[in-house]
């Protein structure tokens, strides 16, 4: 299995890129959000991948974070959901949006993705709701594929220099992961904690970990 590629981005299409890795070109299909975040043609790129192999097909799908890759894997495990539908959902919501929608049971948000009907959206939320806490917890340790110092590429394109790529993990994902961990340590169940953190993050998109914990605790407090 091919889990990650690092090389030079040689070509862009509407839904995929061609990445040159030491003279071998890999076609990688990505969500719209991932496509928009990738560097330009001729620049260095590093991306996590998931490989699908069937009798008549062999395709690579690319992701900028392990959270996005994990949601793709889980979405594709749901009956009736293939790679195309998974990428449509990730394009519409992004990995953090998928986490919030599934943790909150918001199948309407999932249904907003192209090609996703109400029955499929409900099935996704029902099947994956228990998985949301684990994926959300990854946000505190995941590094984006583009994190780190300048990437060294064999035979870089002329005249483009190898850029210094310094993208960091989304602070919102890290804050949510930290808040989820804190609530778990306080004894709250994974599903309740994930729902509260997801709702708090939706209401306070720029909040840090401490603010998310306070907001989530208010949501979890017994109603008088």
N, C-alpha and C. Protein backbone atom coordinates (compact mmCIF):
# COMPACT_ATOMS: atom_id res chain seq x y z
N UNK A 1 0.83 -1.20 0.00
CA UNK A 1 0.00 0.00 0.00
C UNK A 1 0.87 1.26 0.00
N UNK A 2 0.40 2.27 -0.69
CA UNK A 2 1.10 3.55 -0.73
C UNK A 2 0.39 4.49 0.24
N UNK A 3 1.06 4.88 1.31
CA UNK A 3 0.43 5.69 2.35
C UNK A 3 0.77 7.16 2.30
N UNK A 4 1.85 7.53 1.59
CA UNK A 4 2.25 8.93 1.52
C UNK A 4 3.18 9.13 0.33
N UNK A 5 3.04 10.27 -0.33
CA UNK A 5 3.91 10.61 -1.45
C UNK A 5 4.57 11.96 -1.21
N UNK A 6 5.83 12.06 -1.56
CA UNK A 6 6.55 13.34 -1.49
C UNK A 6 7.32 13.51 -2.79
N UNK A 7 7.06 14.60 -3.47
CA UNK A 7 7.73 14.82 -4.74
C UNK A 7 7.41 16.18 -5.31
N UNK A 8 7.24 16.24 -6.64
CA UNK A 8 6.96 17.51 -7.33
C UNK A 8 5.59 17.41 -8.00
N UNK A 9 4.78 18.43 -7.83
CA UNK A 9 3.47 18.46 -8.48
C UNK A 9 3.66 18.84 -9.94
N UNK A 10 3.37 17.90 -10.83
CA UNK A 10 3.62 18.09 -12.26
C UNK A 10 2.42 18.58 -13.05
N UNK A 11 1.22 18.26 -12.56
CA UNK A 11 0.03 18.55 -13.36
C UNK A 11 -1.19 18.63 -12.46
N UNK A 12 -2.10 19.55 -12.80
CA UNK A 12 -3.37 19.70 -12.08
C UNK A 12 -4.53 19.49 -13.04
N UNK A 13 -5.53 18.73 -12.61
CA UNK A 13 -6.79 18.62 -13.34
C UNK A 13 -7.90 19.07 -12.40
N UNK A 14 -9.15 18.85 -12.79
CA UNK A 14 -10.26 19.32 -11.96
C UNK A 14 -10.35 18.56 -10.64
N UNK A 15 -10.06 17.25 -10.67
CA UNK A 15 -10.24 16.45 -9.46
C UNK A 15 -9.02 15.61 -9.10
N UNK A 16 -7.91 15.80 -9.79
CA UNK A 16 -6.72 15.02 -9.46
C UNK A 16 -5.45 15.78 -9.85
N UNK A 17 -4.34 15.31 -9.31
CA UNK A 17 -3.03 15.87 -9.63
C UNK A 17 -2.09 14.73 -10.03
N UNK A 18 -1.02 15.09 -10.72
CA UNK A 18 0.04 14.15 -11.04
C UNK A 18 1.27 14.56 -10.24
N UNK A 19 1.76 13.64 -9.42
CA UNK A 19 2.92 13.91 -8.57
C UNK A 19 4.10 13.08 -9.04
N UNK A 20 5.21 13.75 -9.36
CA UNK A 20 6.43 13.08 -9.80
C UNK A 20 7.27 12.75 -8.58
N UNK A 21 7.50 11.46 -8.34
CA UNK A 21 8.34 11.01 -7.24
C UNK A 21 9.53 10.27 -7.82
N UNK A 22 10.65 10.97 -7.94
CA UNK A 22 11.88 10.37 -8.49
C UNK A 22 11.66 9.74 -9.86
N UNK A 23 10.95 10.45 -10.70
CA UNK A 23 10.76 10.00 -12.07
C UNK A 23 9.53 9.14 -12.31
N UNK A 24 8.82 8.78 -11.25
CA UNK A 24 7.59 8.00 -11.40
C UNK A 24 6.41 8.91 -11.11
N UNK A 25 5.45 8.97 -12.03
CA UNK A 25 4.30 9.84 -11.86
C UNK A 25 3.11 9.11 -11.26
N UNK A 26 2.53 9.68 -10.19
CA UNK A 26 1.37 9.10 -9.52
C UNK A 26 0.17 10.02 -9.70
N UNK A 27 -0.94 9.49 -10.20
CA UNK A 27 -2.18 10.25 -10.30
C UNK A 27 -2.93 10.09 -8.98
N UNK A 28 -3.26 11.22 -8.35
CA UNK A 28 -3.89 11.22 -7.03
C UNK A 28 -5.18 12.04 -7.08
N UNK A 29 -6.29 11.41 -6.72
CA UNK A 29 -7.58 12.10 -6.68
C UNK A 29 -7.80 12.72 -5.31
N UNK A 30 -8.34 13.95 -5.28
CA UNK A 30 -8.47 14.69 -4.02
C UNK A 30 -9.83 15.39 -3.95
N UNK A 31 -10.21 15.76 -2.74
CA UNK A 31 -11.41 16.57 -2.55
C UNK A 31 -11.14 17.99 -3.06
N UNK A 32 -12.21 18.75 -3.27
CA UNK A 32 -12.06 20.13 -3.74
C UNK A 32 -11.23 20.96 -2.76
N UNK A 33 -11.45 20.76 -1.47
CA UNK A 33 -10.72 21.52 -0.46
C UNK A 33 -9.23 21.19 -0.49
N UNK A 34 -8.91 19.91 -0.64
CA UNK A 34 -7.50 19.53 -0.71
C UNK A 34 -6.86 20.06 -1.97
N UNK A 35 -7.58 19.99 -3.09
CA UNK A 35 -7.06 20.53 -4.35
C UNK A 35 -6.72 22.01 -4.20
N UNK A 36 -7.60 22.75 -3.53
CA UNK A 36 -7.39 24.19 -3.37
C UNK A 36 -6.19 24.49 -2.48
N UNK A 37 -5.85 23.59 -1.57
CA UNK A 37 -4.76 23.84 -0.63
C UNK A 37 -3.40 23.38 -1.15
N UNK A 38 -3.39 22.60 -2.22
CA UNK A 38 -2.11 22.11 -2.76
C UNK A 38 -1.32 23.24 -3.42
N UNK A 39 0.01 23.11 -3.47
CA UNK A 39 0.84 24.14 -4.11
C UNK A 39 0.68 24.13 -5.63
N UNK A 40 1.38 25.04 -6.28
CA UNK A 40 1.28 25.16 -7.72
C UNK A 40 2.12 24.14 -8.46
N UNK A 41 1.90 24.06 -9.78
CA UNK A 41 2.66 23.14 -10.63
C UNK A 41 4.14 23.48 -10.55
N UNK A 42 4.96 22.44 -10.43
CA UNK A 42 6.40 22.61 -10.34
C UNK A 42 6.91 22.75 -8.91
N UNK A 43 6.00 22.82 -7.94
CA UNK A 43 6.42 23.01 -6.55
C UNK A 43 6.43 21.68 -5.81
N UNK A 44 7.14 21.67 -4.68
CA UNK A 44 7.23 20.47 -3.85
C UNK A 44 5.90 20.21 -3.17
N UNK A 45 5.58 18.93 -3.01
CA UNK A 45 4.32 18.55 -2.38
C UNK A 45 4.50 17.26 -1.61
N UNK A 46 3.78 17.15 -0.50
CA UNK A 46 3.76 15.92 0.28
C UNK A 46 2.33 15.69 0.71
N UNK A 47 1.83 14.47 0.53
CA UNK A 47 0.42 14.22 0.74
C UNK A 47 0.20 12.78 1.21
N UNK A 48 -0.71 12.61 2.17
CA UNK A 48 -1.09 11.27 2.60
C UNK A 48 -1.99 10.64 1.54
N UNK A 49 -1.92 9.34 1.38
CA UNK A 49 -2.70 8.68 0.34
C UNK A 49 -3.38 7.42 0.85
N UNK A 50 -4.46 7.07 0.17
CA UNK A 50 -5.16 5.81 0.40
C UNK A 50 -5.31 5.15 -0.96
N UNK A 51 -4.97 3.88 -1.04
CA UNK A 51 -4.97 3.18 -2.32
C UNK A 51 -6.13 2.20 -2.40
N UNK A 52 -6.91 2.30 -3.47
CA UNK A 52 -8.02 1.38 -3.70
C UNK A 52 -7.65 0.46 -4.86
N UNK A 53 -7.71 -0.83 -4.62
CA UNK A 53 -7.34 -1.82 -5.64
C UNK A 53 -8.51 -2.77 -5.84
N UNK A 54 -8.99 -2.84 -7.08
CA UNK A 54 -10.01 -3.81 -7.46
C UNK A 54 -9.54 -4.52 -8.73
N UNK A 55 -10.31 -5.48 -9.19
CA UNK A 55 -9.91 -6.24 -10.37
C UNK A 55 -9.72 -5.33 -11.59
N UNK A 56 -10.58 -4.31 -11.70
CA UNK A 56 -10.54 -3.45 -12.88
C UNK A 56 -10.09 -2.03 -12.57
N UNK A 57 -9.53 -1.81 -11.36
CA UNK A 57 -9.23 -0.44 -10.95
C UNK A 57 -8.11 -0.39 -9.93
N UNK A 58 -7.25 0.61 -10.06
CA UNK A 58 -6.23 0.89 -9.05
C UNK A 58 -6.08 2.41 -8.99
N UNK A 59 -6.55 3.03 -7.87
CA UNK A 59 -6.54 4.48 -7.77
C UNK A 59 -6.00 4.93 -6.41
N UNK A 60 -5.35 6.10 -6.45
CA UNK A 60 -4.85 6.73 -5.23
C UNK A 60 -5.71 7.94 -4.90
N UNK A 61 -6.01 8.11 -3.61
CA UNK A 61 -6.73 9.29 -3.13
C UNK A 61 -5.85 10.01 -2.13
N UNK A 62 -5.82 11.34 -2.23
CA UNK A 62 -4.87 12.12 -1.43
C UNK A 62 -5.54 13.00 -0.39
N UNK A 63 -4.80 13.22 0.74
CA UNK A 63 -5.34 13.97 1.87
C UNK A 63 -4.21 14.78 2.53
N UNK A 64 -4.56 15.97 3.02
CA UNK A 64 -3.57 16.81 3.66
C UNK A 64 -3.37 16.49 5.13
N UNK A 65 -4.26 15.72 5.73
CA UNK A 65 -4.10 15.35 7.14
C UNK A 65 -4.56 13.91 7.34
N UNK A 66 -4.09 13.32 8.42
CA UNK A 66 -4.51 11.96 8.74
C UNK A 66 -5.97 11.92 9.17
N UNK A 67 -6.48 13.05 9.70
CA UNK A 67 -7.90 13.11 10.07
C UNK A 67 -8.76 13.00 8.82
N UNK A 68 -8.40 13.74 7.77
CA UNK A 68 -9.14 13.66 6.52
C UNK A 68 -9.07 12.25 5.93
N UNK A 69 -7.89 11.66 5.98
CA UNK A 69 -7.72 10.30 5.45
C UNK A 69 -8.56 9.29 6.24
N UNK A 70 -8.61 9.44 7.56
CA UNK A 70 -9.38 8.52 8.39
C UNK A 70 -10.87 8.66 8.13
N UNK A 71 -11.36 9.89 7.96
CA UNK A 71 -12.77 10.06 7.65
C UNK A 71 -13.10 9.44 6.29
N UNK A 72 -12.20 9.59 5.33
CA UNK A 72 -12.43 8.96 4.02
C UNK A 72 -12.56 7.45 4.17
N UNK A 73 -11.67 6.87 4.94
CA UNK A 73 -11.72 5.42 5.15
C UNK A 73 -13.03 5.00 5.81
N UNK A 74 -13.46 5.74 6.82
CA UNK A 74 -14.69 5.40 7.53
C UNK A 74 -15.92 5.63 6.66
N UNK A 75 -15.93 6.74 5.93
CA UNK A 75 -17.07 7.01 5.05
C UNK A 75 -17.23 5.91 4.01
N UNK A 76 -16.12 5.46 3.47
CA UNK A 76 -16.18 4.40 2.45
C UNK A 76 -16.59 3.06 3.03
N UNK A 77 -16.55 2.91 4.36
CA UNK A 77 -16.97 1.65 4.99
C UNK A 77 -18.49 1.57 5.13
N UNK A 78 -19.18 2.69 4.92
CA UNK A 78 -20.64 2.72 5.04
C UNK A 78 -21.26 2.18 3.75
N UNK A 79 -22.27 1.33 3.90
CA UNK A 79 -22.93 0.75 2.73
C UNK A 79 -23.46 1.84 1.81
N UNK A 80 -23.13 1.71 0.53
CA UNK A 80 -23.61 2.66 -0.46
C UNK A 80 -22.74 3.89 -0.63
N UNK A 81 -21.65 3.98 0.13
CA UNK A 81 -20.75 5.13 0.03
C UNK A 81 -19.43 4.69 -0.58
N UNK A 82 -19.11 5.22 -1.74
CA UNK A 82 -17.84 4.94 -2.39
C UNK A 82 -16.90 6.12 -2.28
N UNK A 83 -15.76 6.02 -2.94
CA UNK A 83 -14.76 7.07 -2.86
C UNK A 83 -15.29 8.40 -3.41
N UNK A 84 -16.07 8.34 -4.48
CA UNK A 84 -16.60 9.58 -5.08
C UNK A 84 -17.50 10.32 -4.11
N UNK A 85 -18.38 9.59 -3.43
CA UNK A 85 -19.29 10.22 -2.46
C UNK A 85 -18.50 10.73 -1.25
N UNK A 86 -17.53 9.95 -0.80
CA UNK A 86 -16.70 10.38 0.33
C UNK A 86 -15.99 11.70 0.03
N UNK A 87 -15.41 11.81 -1.16
CA UNK A 87 -14.72 13.04 -1.53
C UNK A 87 -15.70 14.20 -1.65
N UNK A 88 -16.92 13.92 -2.09
CA UNK A 88 -17.94 14.97 -2.18
C UNK A 88 -18.29 15.50 -0.79
N UNK A 89 -18.39 14.60 0.18
CA UNK A 89 -18.69 15.01 1.55
C UNK A 89 -17.54 15.81 2.14
N UNK A 90 -16.31 15.34 1.92
CA UNK A 90 -15.14 16.06 2.43
C UNK A 90 -14.98 17.40 1.71
N UNK A 91 -15.37 17.47 0.45
CA UNK A 91 -15.31 18.74 -0.28
C UNK A 91 -16.29 19.74 0.31
N UNK A 92 -17.49 19.26 0.66
CA UNK A 92 -18.53 20.15 1.16
C UNK A 92 -18.28 20.58 2.60
N UNK A 93 -17.79 19.67 3.44
CA UNK A 93 -17.71 19.95 4.87
C UNK A 93 -16.29 20.09 5.39
N UNK A 94 -15.32 19.48 4.74
CA UNK A 94 -13.98 19.43 5.30
C UNK A 94 -13.94 18.42 6.44
N UNK A 95 -12.76 17.96 6.84
CA UNK A 95 -12.69 16.94 7.91
C UNK A 95 -13.26 17.40 9.23
N UNK A 96 -13.03 18.68 9.61
CA UNK A 96 -13.60 19.18 10.87
C UNK A 96 -15.11 19.26 10.79
N UNK A 97 -15.63 19.66 9.64
CA UNK A 97 -17.07 19.72 9.46
C UNK A 97 -17.72 18.36 9.52
N UNK A 98 -17.05 17.35 8.95
CA UNK A 98 -17.55 15.98 9.03
C UNK A 98 -17.59 15.53 10.49
N UNK A 99 -16.53 15.84 11.24
CA UNK A 99 -16.50 15.48 12.66
C UNK A 99 -17.68 16.09 13.40
N UNK A 100 -17.92 17.39 13.18
CA UNK A 100 -19.02 18.06 13.88
C UNK A 100 -20.36 17.47 13.48
N UNK A 101 -20.58 17.29 12.17
CA UNK A 101 -21.87 16.81 11.70
C UNK A 101 -22.19 15.43 12.27
N UNK A 102 -21.22 14.55 12.26
CA UNK A 102 -21.48 13.19 12.73
C UNK A 102 -21.59 13.14 14.25
N UNK A 103 -20.76 13.91 14.95
CA UNK A 103 -20.85 13.94 16.42
C UNK A 103 -22.19 14.49 16.88
N UNK A 104 -22.74 15.45 16.14
CA UNK A 104 -24.02 16.06 16.50
C UNK A 104 -25.22 15.34 15.89
N UNK A 105 -24.97 14.34 15.06
CA UNK A 105 -26.06 13.64 14.41
C UNK A 105 -26.75 14.49 13.36
N UNK A 106 -26.02 15.43 12.79
CA UNK A 106 -26.59 16.38 11.83
C UNK A 106 -26.52 15.81 10.42
N UNK A 107 -27.45 14.91 10.11
CA UNK A 107 -27.42 14.29 8.78
C UNK A 107 -27.79 15.28 7.69
N UNK A 108 -28.48 16.37 8.05
CA UNK A 108 -28.81 17.40 7.08
C UNK A 108 -27.57 18.04 6.50
N UNK A 109 -26.53 18.23 7.33
CA UNK A 109 -25.28 18.80 6.84
C UNK A 109 -24.60 17.84 5.87
N UNK A 110 -24.65 16.55 6.18
CA UNK A 110 -24.06 15.54 5.30
C UNK A 110 -24.82 15.49 3.98
N UNK A 111 -26.12 15.63 4.04
CA UNK A 111 -26.96 15.57 2.84
C UNK A 111 -26.68 16.72 1.88
N UNK A 112 -26.09 17.80 2.39
CA UNK A 112 -25.78 18.95 1.54
C UNK A 112 -24.70 18.64 0.51
N UNK A 113 -23.94 17.57 0.72
CA UNK A 113 -22.90 17.19 -0.23
C UNK A 113 -23.52 16.67 -1.51
N UNK A 114 -22.86 16.94 -2.61
CA UNK A 114 -23.35 16.54 -3.92
C UNK A 114 -23.47 15.02 -4.02
N UNK A 115 -24.63 14.55 -4.46
CA UNK A 115 -24.83 13.12 -4.67
C UNK A 115 -25.21 12.33 -3.45
N UNK A 116 -25.46 13.02 -2.32
CA UNK A 116 -25.81 12.33 -1.08
C UNK A 116 -27.29 12.55 -0.78
N UNK A 117 -28.08 11.47 -0.77
CA UNK A 117 -29.49 11.56 -0.47
C UNK A 117 -29.75 11.47 1.02
N UNK A 118 -30.98 11.71 1.46
CA UNK A 118 -31.30 11.69 2.89
C UNK A 118 -31.07 10.33 3.54
N UNK A 119 -31.42 9.24 2.86
CA UNK A 119 -31.24 7.92 3.46
C UNK A 119 -29.76 7.61 3.65
N UNK A 120 -28.94 7.97 2.66
CA UNK A 120 -27.50 7.74 2.77
C UNK A 120 -26.92 8.59 3.89
N UNK A 121 -27.33 9.86 3.97
CA UNK A 121 -26.83 10.75 5.01
C UNK A 121 -27.19 10.23 6.40
N UNK A 122 -28.42 9.75 6.58
CA UNK A 122 -28.83 9.20 7.87
C UNK A 122 -28.03 7.95 8.21
N UNK A 123 -27.78 7.10 7.21
CA UNK A 123 -27.01 5.88 7.44
C UNK A 123 -25.58 6.22 7.86
N UNK A 124 -24.99 7.23 7.22
CA UNK A 124 -23.63 7.65 7.57
C UNK A 124 -23.55 8.08 9.03
N UNK A 125 -24.48 8.95 9.42
CA UNK A 125 -24.47 9.45 10.81
C UNK A 125 -24.70 8.32 11.80
N UNK A 126 -25.64 7.44 11.50
CA UNK A 126 -25.95 6.33 12.39
C UNK A 126 -24.78 5.37 12.52
N UNK A 127 -24.15 5.03 11.39
CA UNK A 127 -23.06 4.05 11.41
C UNK A 127 -21.78 4.59 12.03
N UNK A 128 -21.54 5.90 11.89
CA UNK A 128 -20.24 6.45 12.28
C UNK A 128 -20.26 7.30 13.54
N UNK A 129 -21.43 7.50 14.16
CA UNK A 129 -21.51 8.37 15.32
C UNK A 129 -20.55 7.95 16.43
N UNK A 130 -20.43 6.64 16.66
CA UNK A 130 -19.53 6.16 17.71
C UNK A 130 -18.06 6.31 17.34
N UNK A 131 -17.78 6.54 16.05
CA UNK A 131 -16.39 6.69 15.61
C UNK A 131 -15.90 8.13 15.75
N UNK A 132 -16.82 9.09 15.85
CA UNK A 132 -16.44 10.50 15.86
C UNK A 132 -15.48 10.87 16.98
N UNK A 133 -15.69 10.43 18.23
CA UNK A 133 -14.75 10.82 19.29
C UNK A 133 -13.31 10.43 18.99
N UNK A 134 -13.12 9.21 18.47
CA UNK A 134 -11.76 8.76 18.17
C UNK A 134 -11.09 9.57 17.09
N UNK A 135 -11.84 9.92 16.04
CA UNK A 135 -11.26 10.71 14.96
C UNK A 135 -10.98 12.14 15.43
N UNK A 136 -11.91 12.71 16.19
CA UNK A 136 -11.71 14.07 16.71
C UNK A 136 -10.49 14.14 17.61
N UNK A 137 -10.23 13.07 18.35
CA UNK A 137 -9.07 13.04 19.25
C UNK A 137 -7.75 13.05 18.50
N UNK A 138 -7.77 12.66 17.22
CA UNK A 138 -6.54 12.66 16.42
C UNK A 138 -6.07 14.08 16.14
N UNK A 139 -6.97 15.06 16.24
CA UNK A 139 -6.62 16.43 15.85
C UNK A 139 -5.49 17.03 16.63
N UNK A 140 -5.24 16.55 17.85
CA UNK A 140 -4.18 17.12 18.66
C UNK A 140 -2.80 16.62 18.29
N UNK A 141 -2.72 15.50 17.55
CA UNK A 141 -1.41 14.93 17.24
C UNK A 141 -1.10 14.90 15.76
N UNK A 142 -2.12 15.15 14.94
CA UNK A 142 -1.90 15.09 13.50
C UNK A 142 -1.09 16.29 13.03
N UNK A 143 -0.14 16.05 12.14
CA UNK A 143 0.55 17.13 11.44
C UNK A 143 0.15 17.06 9.99
N UNK A 144 -0.08 18.23 9.40
CA UNK A 144 -0.45 18.26 8.00
C UNK A 144 0.69 17.68 7.16
N UNK A 145 0.36 17.14 6.02
CA UNK A 145 1.38 16.56 5.15
C UNK A 145 2.39 17.60 4.70
N UNK A 146 2.00 18.88 4.71
CA UNK A 146 2.91 19.93 4.26
C UNK A 146 3.70 20.54 5.41
N UNK A 147 3.58 19.99 6.63
CA UNK A 147 4.27 20.55 7.78
C UNK A 147 5.77 20.29 7.67
N UNK A 148 6.55 21.22 8.20
CA UNK A 148 7.97 20.96 8.31
C UNK A 148 8.82 21.87 7.44
N UNK A 149 10.13 21.56 7.35
CA UNK A 149 11.04 22.38 6.59
C UNK A 149 10.87 22.18 5.09
N UNK A 150 11.67 22.89 4.33
CA UNK A 150 11.58 22.78 2.87
C UNK A 150 11.78 21.35 2.43
N UNK A 151 10.96 20.91 1.49
CA UNK A 151 11.06 19.56 0.97
C UNK A 151 12.09 19.50 -0.15
N UNK A 152 12.93 18.50 -0.13
CA UNK A 152 13.96 18.36 -1.15
C UNK A 152 13.44 17.47 -2.26
N UNK A 153 13.42 17.97 -3.49
CA UNK A 153 12.83 17.25 -4.61
C UNK A 153 13.91 16.95 -5.64
N UNK A 154 13.93 15.70 -6.12
CA UNK A 154 14.88 15.34 -7.16
C UNK A 154 14.45 15.97 -8.48
N UNK A 155 15.41 16.56 -9.19
CA UNK A 155 15.15 17.20 -10.48
C UNK A 155 13.99 18.18 -10.42
N UNK A 156 14.12 19.26 -9.62
CA UNK A 156 13.03 20.24 -9.51
C UNK A 156 12.77 20.91 -10.85
N UNK A 157 11.51 21.32 -11.05
CA UNK A 157 11.13 21.98 -12.30
C UNK A 157 11.85 23.31 -12.43
N UNK A 158 12.21 23.68 -13.63
CA UNK A 158 12.83 24.97 -13.90
C UNK A 158 11.76 25.99 -14.26
N UNK A 159 11.85 27.24 -13.73
CA UNK A 159 12.86 27.69 -12.79
C UNK A 159 12.35 27.71 -11.37
N UNK A 160 11.25 27.01 -11.09
CA UNK A 160 10.61 27.12 -9.78
C UNK A 160 11.51 26.56 -8.69
N UNK A 161 11.80 27.33 -7.63
CA UNK A 161 12.59 26.82 -6.51
C UNK A 161 11.72 25.95 -5.62
N UNK A 162 12.36 25.12 -4.82
CA UNK A 162 11.62 24.32 -3.86
C UNK A 162 11.16 25.25 -2.74
N UNK A 163 9.86 25.37 -2.49
CA UNK A 163 9.37 26.32 -1.50
C UNK A 163 9.55 25.81 -0.09
N UNK A 164 9.54 26.74 0.85
CA UNK A 164 9.54 26.36 2.26
C UNK A 164 8.09 26.25 2.69
N UNK A 165 7.64 25.02 2.93
CA UNK A 165 6.25 24.77 3.25
C UNK A 165 6.10 24.70 4.77
N UNK A 166 5.28 25.55 5.31
CA UNK A 166 5.18 25.63 6.77
C UNK A 166 3.75 25.52 7.27
N UNK A 167 2.86 24.90 6.50
CA UNK A 167 1.49 24.77 6.96
C UNK A 167 1.43 23.95 8.24
N UNK A 168 0.62 24.39 9.19
CA UNK A 168 0.49 23.72 10.47
C UNK A 168 -0.88 23.08 10.60
N UNK A 169 -1.05 22.18 11.57
CA UNK A 169 -2.35 21.59 11.77
C UNK A 169 -3.37 22.67 12.10
N UNK A 170 -4.59 22.46 11.69
CA UNK A 170 -5.63 23.43 11.98
C UNK A 170 -5.77 23.60 13.49
N UNK A 171 -5.68 24.86 13.99
CA UNK A 171 -5.76 25.10 15.42
C UNK A 171 -7.10 24.65 15.97
N UNK A 172 -8.16 24.77 15.17
CA UNK A 172 -9.48 24.33 15.62
C UNK A 172 -9.51 22.85 15.92
N UNK A 173 -8.87 22.04 15.07
CA UNK A 173 -8.82 20.60 15.30
C UNK A 173 -8.04 20.27 16.56
N UNK A 174 -6.92 20.96 16.77
CA UNK A 174 -6.10 20.73 17.96
C UNK A 174 -6.86 21.13 19.21
N UNK A 175 -7.55 22.27 19.16
CA UNK A 175 -8.32 22.74 20.32
C UNK A 175 -9.44 21.76 20.65
N UNK A 176 -10.13 21.26 19.62
CA UNK A 176 -11.21 20.30 19.84
C UNK A 176 -10.68 19.01 20.45
N UNK A 177 -9.52 18.56 19.95
CA UNK A 177 -8.93 17.33 20.49
C UNK A 177 -8.55 17.50 21.95
N UNK A 178 -7.97 18.66 22.29
CA UNK A 178 -7.60 18.92 23.67
C UNK A 178 -8.81 19.01 24.58
N UNK A 179 -9.86 19.67 24.11
CA UNK A 179 -11.08 19.79 24.90
C UNK A 179 -11.72 18.42 25.11
N UNK A 180 -11.73 17.61 24.06
CA UNK A 180 -12.30 16.27 24.16
C UNK A 180 -11.54 15.43 25.18
N UNK A 181 -10.22 15.54 25.17
CA UNK A 181 -9.40 14.80 26.12
C UNK A 181 -9.69 15.26 27.56
N UNK A 182 -9.82 16.57 27.75
CA UNK A 182 -10.09 17.10 29.08
C UNK A 182 -11.44 16.61 29.61
N UNK A 183 -12.46 16.63 28.76
CA UNK A 183 -13.78 16.17 29.19
C UNK A 183 -13.78 14.68 29.49
N UNK A 184 -13.02 13.92 28.72
CA UNK A 184 -12.91 12.48 28.98
C UNK A 184 -12.25 12.24 30.34
N UNK A 185 -11.23 13.05 30.65
CA UNK A 185 -10.56 12.92 31.94
C UNK A 185 -11.47 13.29 33.09
N UNK A 186 -12.47 14.13 32.82
CA UNK A 186 -13.44 14.52 33.84
C UNK A 186 -14.54 13.49 34.02
N UNK A 187 -14.52 12.46 33.18
CA UNK A 187 -15.47 11.37 33.34
C UNK A 187 -16.65 11.37 32.39
N UNK A 188 -16.69 12.30 31.45
CA UNK A 188 -17.79 12.33 30.49
C UNK A 188 -17.60 11.23 29.44
N UNK A 189 -18.70 10.65 29.00
CA UNK A 189 -18.64 9.60 27.99
C UNK A 189 -18.17 10.15 26.66
N UNK A 190 -17.55 9.31 25.82
CA UNK A 190 -17.00 9.78 24.54
C UNK A 190 -18.03 10.45 23.64
N UNK A 191 -19.21 9.86 23.52
CA UNK A 191 -20.22 10.43 22.62
C UNK A 191 -20.74 11.76 23.14
N UNK A 192 -21.03 11.83 24.45
CA UNK A 192 -21.52 13.08 25.03
C UNK A 192 -20.46 14.18 24.91
N UNK A 193 -19.21 13.82 25.20
CA UNK A 193 -18.13 14.80 25.12
C UNK A 193 -17.93 15.28 23.69
N UNK A 194 -17.96 14.36 22.75
CA UNK A 194 -17.76 14.73 21.34
C UNK A 194 -18.88 15.64 20.85
N UNK A 195 -20.11 15.33 21.24
CA UNK A 195 -21.25 16.17 20.82
C UNK A 195 -21.13 17.57 21.39
N UNK A 196 -20.76 17.67 22.68
CA UNK A 196 -20.64 18.97 23.33
C UNK A 196 -19.51 19.79 22.71
N UNK A 197 -18.37 19.15 22.46
CA UNK A 197 -17.24 19.87 21.86
C UNK A 197 -17.58 20.30 20.43
N UNK A 198 -18.24 19.43 19.69
CA UNK A 198 -18.62 19.77 18.32
C UNK A 198 -19.58 20.96 18.29
N UNK A 199 -20.56 20.96 19.20
CA UNK A 199 -21.51 22.08 19.25
C UNK A 199 -20.81 23.36 19.68
N UNK A 200 -19.91 23.26 20.67
CA UNK A 200 -19.17 24.43 21.12
C UNK A 200 -18.29 24.99 20.01
N UNK A 201 -17.65 24.09 19.26
CA UNK A 201 -16.77 24.53 18.17
C UNK A 201 -17.57 25.19 17.05
N UNK A 202 -18.80 24.69 16.81
CA UNK A 202 -19.64 25.29 15.79
C UNK A 202 -20.08 26.69 16.20
N UNK A 203 -20.36 26.88 17.50
CA UNK A 203 -20.78 28.19 18.00
C UNK A 203 -19.62 29.16 18.16
N UNK A 204 -18.40 28.61 18.41
CA UNK A 204 -17.22 29.45 18.65
C UNK A 204 -16.08 28.97 17.76
N UNK A 205 -16.14 29.24 16.47
CA UNK A 205 -15.17 28.68 15.53
C UNK A 205 -13.72 29.10 15.79
N UNK A 206 -13.50 30.23 16.43
CA UNK A 206 -12.14 30.71 16.68
C UNK A 206 -11.68 30.46 18.11
N UNK A 207 -12.44 29.69 18.87
CA UNK A 207 -12.13 29.49 20.28
C UNK A 207 -10.92 28.60 20.47
N UNK A 208 -10.17 28.86 21.53
CA UNK A 208 -9.06 28.01 21.91
C UNK A 208 -9.55 26.86 22.77
N UNK A 209 -8.62 26.05 23.22
CA UNK A 209 -8.99 24.85 23.97
C UNK A 209 -9.73 25.18 25.26
N UNK A 210 -9.24 26.15 26.02
CA UNK A 210 -9.86 26.50 27.29
C UNK A 210 -11.29 26.99 27.11
N UNK A 211 -11.49 27.84 26.10
CA UNK A 211 -12.84 28.36 25.84
C UNK A 211 -13.78 27.24 25.40
N UNK A 212 -13.27 26.29 24.61
CA UNK A 212 -14.10 25.17 24.18
C UNK A 212 -14.50 24.30 25.37
N UNK A 213 -13.57 24.10 26.30
CA UNK A 213 -13.88 23.29 27.49
C UNK A 213 -14.99 23.95 28.30
N UNK A 214 -14.85 25.27 28.52
CA UNK A 214 -15.87 25.97 29.30
C UNK A 214 -17.24 25.90 28.61
N UNK A 215 -17.24 26.14 27.29
CA UNK A 215 -18.51 26.11 26.56
C UNK A 215 -19.12 24.72 26.56
N UNK A 216 -18.28 23.71 26.40
CA UNK A 216 -18.78 22.33 26.39
C UNK A 216 -19.32 21.94 27.76
N UNK A 217 -18.66 22.37 28.83
CA UNK A 217 -19.14 22.06 30.18
C UNK A 217 -20.52 22.68 30.44
N UNK A 218 -20.74 23.88 29.91
CA UNK A 218 -22.07 24.51 30.05
C UNK A 218 -23.12 23.68 29.33
N UNK A 219 -22.75 23.17 28.15
CA UNK A 219 -23.70 22.36 27.40
C UNK A 219 -23.99 21.03 28.09
N UNK A 220 -23.00 20.52 28.82
CA UNK A 220 -23.15 19.24 29.50
C UNK A 220 -23.78 19.37 30.88
N UNK A 221 -23.86 20.59 31.37
CA UNK A 221 -24.43 20.81 32.71
C UNK A 221 -25.90 20.40 32.74
N UNK A 222 -26.34 19.76 33.82
CA UNK A 222 -27.75 19.36 33.92
C UNK A 222 -28.67 20.55 33.78
N UNK A 223 -29.71 20.38 33.01
CA UNK A 223 -30.68 21.46 32.83
C UNK A 223 -31.64 21.49 34.03
N UNK A 224 -31.79 22.67 34.61
CA UNK A 224 -32.66 22.80 35.79
C UNK A 224 -34.13 22.89 35.36
